[in-house]
Amino acid sequence: MHIQESGEMYLETILILSQKSEIVRSLDVAEYMGFSKPSVSRAVGLLKEGGYLLVAENGYLTLTEKGREVAEKIYERHTTLTAILVQLGVSEKTAAEDACKMEHVISDETFEAIKKHIKNCK
């Protein structure tokens, strides 16, 4: 199953929230993303079916190994691309917004080349 951009965004959000608190619920995801509870519930169900997410009886969300891999990949792209854009003179807010769009469409090859370039420049 190929995960869609929206699924990647949910996984990234769950990763970010889990770094701030041991407990992550659908309600937390909805509030963080500004989405309705039914939308988040549907996405959580799809991510659970896809093997990206575990949902405990108490409603707590946990990324599976597969889900964590996707979330960490997207989060690394987001933070790296944001930092690059800020270094280029883009405002923090715009850089984060643009990075959020770019992180889902940039190829692995291009992102690896960017990381290599940054490393060589240091």
N, C-alpha and C. Protein backbone atom coordinates (compact mmCIF):
# COMPACT_ATOMS: atom_id res chain seq x y z
N MET A 1 0.84 -1.19 0.00
CA MET A 1 0.00 0.00 0.00
C MET A 1 0.89 1.25 0.00
N HIS A 2 0.69 2.11 -0.98
CA HIS A 2 1.41 3.38 -1.02
C HIS A 2 0.65 4.38 -0.17
N ILE A 3 1.37 5.07 0.68
CA ILE A 3 0.72 6.03 1.57
C ILE A 3 0.59 7.38 0.88
N GLN A 4 -0.54 8.01 1.05
CA GLN A 4 -0.83 9.29 0.43
C GLN A 4 -0.21 10.42 1.26
N GLU A 5 -0.14 11.60 0.66
CA GLU A 5 0.43 12.77 1.34
C GLU A 5 -0.28 13.03 2.66
N SER A 6 -1.60 12.92 2.68
CA SER A 6 -2.34 13.19 3.91
C SER A 6 -1.97 12.18 5.00
N GLY A 7 -1.76 10.94 4.61
CA GLY A 7 -1.34 9.92 5.57
C GLY A 7 0.02 10.24 6.15
N GLU A 8 0.92 10.71 5.28
CA GLU A 8 2.26 11.11 5.74
C GLU A 8 2.15 12.25 6.75
N MET A 9 1.24 13.18 6.49
CA MET A 9 1.06 14.32 7.40
C MET A 9 0.55 13.85 8.76
N TYR A 10 -0.38 12.91 8.76
CA TYR A 10 -0.89 12.38 10.02
C TYR A 10 0.22 11.67 10.79
N LEU A 11 1.00 10.85 10.11
CA LEU A 11 2.08 10.13 10.78
C LEU A 11 3.11 11.09 11.35
N GLU A 12 3.46 12.11 10.58
CA GLU A 12 4.41 13.12 11.04
C GLU A 12 3.86 13.83 12.28
N THR A 13 2.59 14.17 12.27
CA THR A 13 1.96 14.83 13.42
C THR A 13 1.99 13.93 14.64
N ILE A 14 1.68 12.67 14.47
CA ILE A 14 1.71 11.73 15.61
C ILE A 14 3.12 11.62 16.16
N LEU A 15 4.12 11.59 15.29
CA LEU A 15 5.52 11.55 15.73
C LEU A 15 5.84 12.81 16.55
N ILE A 16 5.49 13.97 16.03
CA ILE A 16 5.77 15.23 16.73
C ILE A 16 5.08 15.26 18.09
N LEU A 17 3.81 14.87 18.12
CA LEU A 17 3.07 14.87 19.38
C LEU A 17 3.64 13.85 20.37
N SER A 18 4.12 12.72 19.87
CA SER A 18 4.67 11.69 20.76
C SER A 18 6.02 12.11 21.35
N GLN A 19 6.67 13.08 20.70
CA GLN A 19 7.92 13.61 21.25
C GLN A 19 7.64 14.58 22.40
N LYS A 20 6.43 15.11 22.43
CA LYS A 20 6.04 16.06 23.47
C LYS A 20 5.33 15.40 24.64
N SER A 21 4.68 14.26 24.37
CA SER A 21 3.89 13.58 25.38
C SER A 21 3.86 12.07 25.09
N GLU A 22 3.83 11.28 26.15
CA GLU A 22 3.77 9.82 25.97
C GLU A 22 2.42 9.40 25.40
N ILE A 23 1.41 10.22 25.65
CA ILE A 23 0.05 9.88 25.25
C ILE A 23 -0.37 10.73 24.05
N VAL A 24 -0.77 10.07 22.97
CA VAL A 24 -1.29 10.77 21.79
C VAL A 24 -2.64 10.15 21.46
N ARG A 25 -3.63 11.02 21.37
CA ARG A 25 -4.99 10.58 21.03
C ARG A 25 -5.43 11.24 19.73
N SER A 26 -6.47 10.71 19.14
CA SER A 26 -7.02 11.30 17.92
C SER A 26 -7.40 12.75 18.13
N LEU A 27 -7.92 13.06 19.31
CA LEU A 27 -8.31 14.43 19.64
C LEU A 27 -7.10 15.36 19.58
N ASP A 28 -5.95 14.89 20.08
CA ASP A 28 -4.72 15.69 20.03
C ASP A 28 -4.31 15.98 18.59
N VAL A 29 -4.43 14.95 17.75
CA VAL A 29 -4.09 15.09 16.33
C VAL A 29 -5.02 16.09 15.67
N ALA A 30 -6.32 15.98 15.97
CA ALA A 30 -7.31 16.89 15.38
C ALA A 30 -7.01 18.33 15.77
N GLU A 31 -6.71 18.56 17.05
CA GLU A 31 -6.43 19.91 17.52
C GLU A 31 -5.15 20.46 16.88
N TYR A 32 -4.11 19.64 16.80
CA TYR A 32 -2.82 20.06 16.26
C TYR A 32 -2.93 20.42 14.77
N MET A 33 -3.68 19.61 14.04
CA MET A 33 -3.78 19.79 12.60
C MET A 33 -4.93 20.72 12.19
N GLY A 34 -5.83 20.99 13.13
CA GLY A 34 -6.99 21.82 12.82
C GLY A 34 -8.03 21.10 11.98
N PHE A 35 -8.10 19.78 12.13
CA PHE A 35 -9.06 18.96 11.38
C PHE A 35 -10.18 18.52 12.30
N SER A 36 -11.28 18.11 11.70
CA SER A 36 -12.42 17.62 12.48
C SER A 36 -12.11 16.23 13.04
N LYS A 37 -12.78 15.90 14.14
CA LYS A 37 -12.58 14.58 14.75
C LYS A 37 -12.99 13.45 13.80
N PRO A 38 -14.10 13.58 13.04
CA PRO A 38 -14.44 12.51 12.10
C PRO A 38 -13.38 12.31 11.01
N SER A 39 -12.78 13.39 10.53
CA SER A 39 -11.72 13.27 9.51
C SER A 39 -10.52 12.52 10.07
N VAL A 40 -10.14 12.88 11.29
CA VAL A 40 -9.00 12.22 11.93
C VAL A 40 -9.32 10.75 12.20
N SER A 41 -10.53 10.49 12.64
CA SER A 41 -10.95 9.12 12.92
C SER A 41 -10.86 8.24 11.67
N ARG A 42 -11.29 8.78 10.56
CA ARG A 42 -11.22 8.04 9.30
C ARG A 42 -9.77 7.78 8.91
N ALA A 43 -8.93 8.79 9.02
CA ALA A 43 -7.52 8.65 8.68
C ALA A 43 -6.83 7.64 9.59
N VAL A 44 -7.13 7.71 10.87
CA VAL A 44 -6.55 6.78 11.84
C VAL A 44 -6.93 5.35 11.47
N GLY A 45 -8.19 5.15 11.09
CA GLY A 45 -8.63 3.82 10.67
C GLY A 45 -7.87 3.31 9.46
N LEU A 46 -7.67 4.16 8.48
CA LEU A 46 -6.92 3.77 7.28
C LEU A 46 -5.46 3.48 7.60
N LEU A 47 -4.86 4.30 8.45
CA LEU A 47 -3.46 4.08 8.82
C LEU A 47 -3.30 2.80 9.65
N LYS A 48 -4.30 2.51 10.45
CA LYS A 48 -4.29 1.26 11.23
C LYS A 48 -4.39 0.07 10.27
N GLU A 49 -5.33 0.14 9.33
CA GLU A 49 -5.49 -0.93 8.33
C GLU A 49 -4.21 -1.14 7.52
N GLY A 50 -3.50 -0.06 7.22
CA GLY A 50 -2.28 -0.13 6.43
C GLY A 50 -1.07 -0.61 7.21
N GLY A 51 -1.24 -0.79 8.53
CA GLY A 51 -0.13 -1.28 9.35
C GLY A 51 0.83 -0.18 9.79
N TYR A 52 0.39 1.07 9.73
CA TYR A 52 1.24 2.20 10.11
C TYR A 52 1.03 2.65 11.55
N LEU A 53 -0.08 2.21 12.14
CA LEU A 53 -0.51 2.75 13.42
C LEU A 53 -1.22 1.69 14.25
N LEU A 54 -1.00 1.75 15.54
CA LEU A 54 -1.72 0.90 16.48
C LEU A 54 -2.64 1.80 17.31
N VAL A 55 -3.84 1.32 17.57
CA VAL A 55 -4.78 2.07 18.40
C VAL A 55 -5.14 1.18 19.59
N ALA A 56 -4.76 1.61 20.77
CA ALA A 56 -5.04 0.85 21.99
C ALA A 56 -6.52 0.97 22.34
N GLU A 57 -6.97 0.10 23.24
CA GLU A 57 -8.38 0.14 23.65
C GLU A 57 -8.76 1.48 24.25
N ASN A 58 -7.80 2.14 24.91
CA ASN A 58 -8.07 3.44 25.52
C ASN A 58 -7.98 4.58 24.50
N GLY A 59 -7.72 4.24 23.22
CA GLY A 59 -7.68 5.24 22.17
C GLY A 59 -6.32 5.85 21.91
N TYR A 60 -5.31 5.42 22.67
CA TYR A 60 -3.98 5.97 22.48
C TYR A 60 -3.38 5.46 21.17
N LEU A 61 -2.71 6.37 20.46
CA LEU A 61 -2.13 6.05 19.16
C LEU A 61 -0.63 5.80 19.30
N THR A 62 -0.16 4.76 18.63
CA THR A 62 1.26 4.43 18.62
C THR A 62 1.66 4.08 17.20
N LEU A 63 2.76 4.66 16.74
CA LEU A 63 3.27 4.33 15.42
C LEU A 63 3.88 2.93 15.43
N THR A 64 3.60 2.16 14.39
CA THR A 64 4.29 0.89 14.22
C THR A 64 5.69 1.20 13.69
N GLU A 65 6.52 0.20 13.56
CA GLU A 65 7.86 0.42 13.00
C GLU A 65 7.75 1.02 11.60
N LYS A 66 6.83 0.46 10.81
CA LYS A 66 6.58 0.95 9.45
C LYS A 66 6.11 2.41 9.47
N GLY A 67 5.20 2.72 10.38
CA GLY A 67 4.69 4.08 10.51
C GLY A 67 5.75 5.06 10.98
N ARG A 68 6.59 4.62 11.92
CA ARG A 68 7.67 5.46 12.43
C ARG A 68 8.68 5.77 11.33
N GLU A 69 8.98 4.79 10.48
CA GLU A 69 9.91 5.02 9.37
C GLU A 69 9.41 6.12 8.45
N VAL A 70 8.14 6.05 8.09
CA VAL A 70 7.55 7.06 7.20
C VAL A 70 7.56 8.42 7.91
N ALA A 71 7.13 8.45 9.16
CA ALA A 71 7.04 9.70 9.91
C ALA A 71 8.41 10.36 10.06
N GLU A 72 9.42 9.57 10.39
CA GLU A 72 10.76 10.13 10.57
C GLU A 72 11.33 10.63 9.25
N LYS A 73 11.04 9.93 8.18
CA LYS A 73 11.51 10.36 6.85
C LYS A 73 10.90 11.73 6.50
N ILE A 74 9.61 11.86 6.70
CA ILE A 74 8.92 13.11 6.37
C ILE A 74 9.37 14.23 7.30
N TYR A 75 9.53 13.92 8.58
CA TYR A 75 9.95 14.93 9.54
C TYR A 75 11.37 15.42 9.24
N GLU A 76 12.26 14.51 8.86
CA GLU A 76 13.62 14.91 8.50
C GLU A 76 13.59 15.83 7.28
N ARG A 77 12.79 15.48 6.30
CA ARG A 77 12.66 16.32 5.12
C ARG A 77 12.15 17.71 5.50
N HIS A 78 11.14 17.73 6.35
CA HIS A 78 10.53 18.99 6.76
C HIS A 78 11.55 19.89 7.46
N THR A 79 12.24 19.34 8.44
CA THR A 79 13.19 20.15 9.21
C THR A 79 14.38 20.58 8.36
N THR A 80 14.87 19.69 7.51
CA THR A 80 16.01 20.02 6.66
C THR A 80 15.65 21.09 5.63
N LEU A 81 14.53 20.89 4.95
CA LEU A 81 14.10 21.85 3.94
C LEU A 81 13.77 23.21 4.55
N THR A 82 13.15 23.21 5.72
CA THR A 82 12.85 24.46 6.41
C THR A 82 14.15 25.20 6.71
N ALA A 83 15.13 24.49 7.26
CA ALA A 83 16.41 25.11 7.61
C ALA A 83 17.10 25.70 6.38
N ILE A 84 17.08 24.97 5.28
CA ILE A 84 17.71 25.46 4.04
C ILE A 84 17.02 26.74 3.57
N LEU A 85 15.71 26.74 3.56
CA LEU A 85 14.97 27.91 3.10
C LEU A 85 15.21 29.12 3.99
N VAL A 86 15.29 28.89 5.30
CA VAL A 86 15.58 29.99 6.23
C VAL A 86 16.98 30.54 5.96
N GLN A 87 17.94 29.64 5.71
CA GLN A 87 19.31 30.08 5.39
C GLN A 87 19.34 30.91 4.11
N LEU A 88 18.43 30.66 3.22
CA LEU A 88 18.36 31.40 1.97
C LEU A 88 17.68 32.76 2.14
N GLY A 89 17.15 33.00 3.34
CA GLY A 89 16.53 34.29 3.61
C GLY A 89 15.01 34.28 3.65
N VAL A 90 14.41 33.11 3.55
CA VAL A 90 12.95 32.99 3.62
C VAL A 90 12.54 33.08 5.10
N SER A 91 11.42 33.73 5.37
CA SER A 91 10.95 33.83 6.76
C SER A 91 10.65 32.43 7.30
N GLU A 92 10.76 32.28 8.61
CA GLU A 92 10.53 30.99 9.27
C GLU A 92 9.15 30.42 8.92
N LYS A 93 8.13 31.27 8.98
CA LYS A 93 6.75 30.82 8.70
C LYS A 93 6.60 30.33 7.26
N THR A 94 7.07 31.12 6.32
CA THR A 94 6.97 30.74 4.91
C THR A 94 7.82 29.51 4.62
N ALA A 95 9.00 29.46 5.21
CA ALA A 95 9.90 28.32 5.00
C ALA A 95 9.23 27.03 5.48
N ALA A 96 8.61 27.07 6.64
CA ALA A 96 7.93 25.88 7.18
C ALA A 96 6.76 25.47 6.29
N GLU A 97 6.00 26.46 5.82
CA GLU A 97 4.85 26.16 4.95
C GLU A 97 5.31 25.55 3.62
N ASP A 98 6.35 26.14 3.03
CA ASP A 98 6.86 25.62 1.76
C ASP A 98 7.48 24.24 1.93
N ALA A 99 8.22 24.06 3.02
CA ALA A 99 8.84 22.76 3.29
C ALA A 99 7.77 21.67 3.43
N CYS A 100 6.64 22.04 4.03
CA CYS A 100 5.55 21.09 4.21
C CYS A 100 5.01 20.60 2.87
N LYS A 101 5.01 21.48 1.89
CA LYS A 101 4.56 21.09 0.55
C LYS A 101 5.62 20.26 -0.16
N MET A 102 6.86 20.69 -0.04
CA MET A 102 7.97 20.05 -0.75
C MET A 102 8.29 18.65 -0.22
N GLU A 103 8.15 18.46 1.08
CA GLU A 103 8.57 17.21 1.71
C GLU A 103 7.85 15.98 1.17
N HIS A 104 6.69 16.18 0.61
CA HIS A 104 5.89 15.05 0.13
C HIS A 104 6.17 14.68 -1.32
N VAL A 105 6.76 15.59 -2.07
CA VAL A 105 6.94 15.35 -3.50
C VAL A 105 8.40 15.21 -3.94
N ILE A 106 9.32 15.64 -3.11
CA ILE A 106 10.73 15.55 -3.48
C ILE A 106 11.17 14.08 -3.51
N SER A 107 11.94 13.73 -4.50
CA SER A 107 12.40 12.34 -4.63
C SER A 107 13.47 12.03 -3.60
N ASP A 108 13.63 10.76 -3.29
CA ASP A 108 14.69 10.34 -2.37
C ASP A 108 16.05 10.75 -2.92
N GLU A 109 16.23 10.59 -4.23
CA GLU A 109 17.51 10.93 -4.86
C GLU A 109 17.85 12.41 -4.66
N THR A 110 16.88 13.28 -4.92
CA THR A 110 17.11 14.71 -4.78
C THR A 110 17.36 15.09 -3.33
N PHE A 111 16.59 14.52 -2.42
CA PHE A 111 16.77 14.86 -1.00
C PHE A 111 18.14 14.40 -0.52
N GLU A 112 18.56 13.23 -0.92
CA GLU A 112 19.89 12.73 -0.53
C GLU A 112 20.98 13.63 -1.09
N ALA A 113 20.81 14.12 -2.32
CA ALA A 113 21.78 15.03 -2.92
C ALA A 113 21.85 16.34 -2.14
N ILE A 114 20.71 16.83 -1.70
CA ILE A 114 20.67 18.06 -0.90
C ILE A 114 21.41 17.85 0.41
N LYS A 115 21.14 16.74 1.08
CA LYS A 115 21.81 16.45 2.35
C LYS A 115 23.32 16.34 2.15
N LYS A 116 23.73 15.70 1.08
CA LYS A 116 25.16 15.55 0.78
C LYS A 116 25.79 16.92 0.53
N HIS A 117 25.09 17.76 -0.21
CA HIS A 117 25.60 19.11 -0.50
C HIS A 117 25.77 19.91 0.80
N ILE A 118 24.79 19.84 1.68
CA ILE A 118 24.85 20.56 2.95
C ILE A 118 26.06 20.07 3.77
N LYS A 119 26.22 18.76 3.81
CA LYS A 119 27.33 18.17 4.56
C LYS A 119 28.67 18.63 4.00
N ASN A 120 28.80 18.69 2.68
CA ASN A 120 30.04 19.10 2.04
C ASN A 120 30.33 20.59 2.23
N CYS A 121 29.28 21.37 2.44
CA CYS A 121 29.45 22.81 2.63
C CYS A 121 29.90 23.17 4.04
N LYS A 122 29.72 22.27 4.96
CA LYS A 122 30.05 22.57 6.38
C LYS A 122 31.50 22.42 6.66
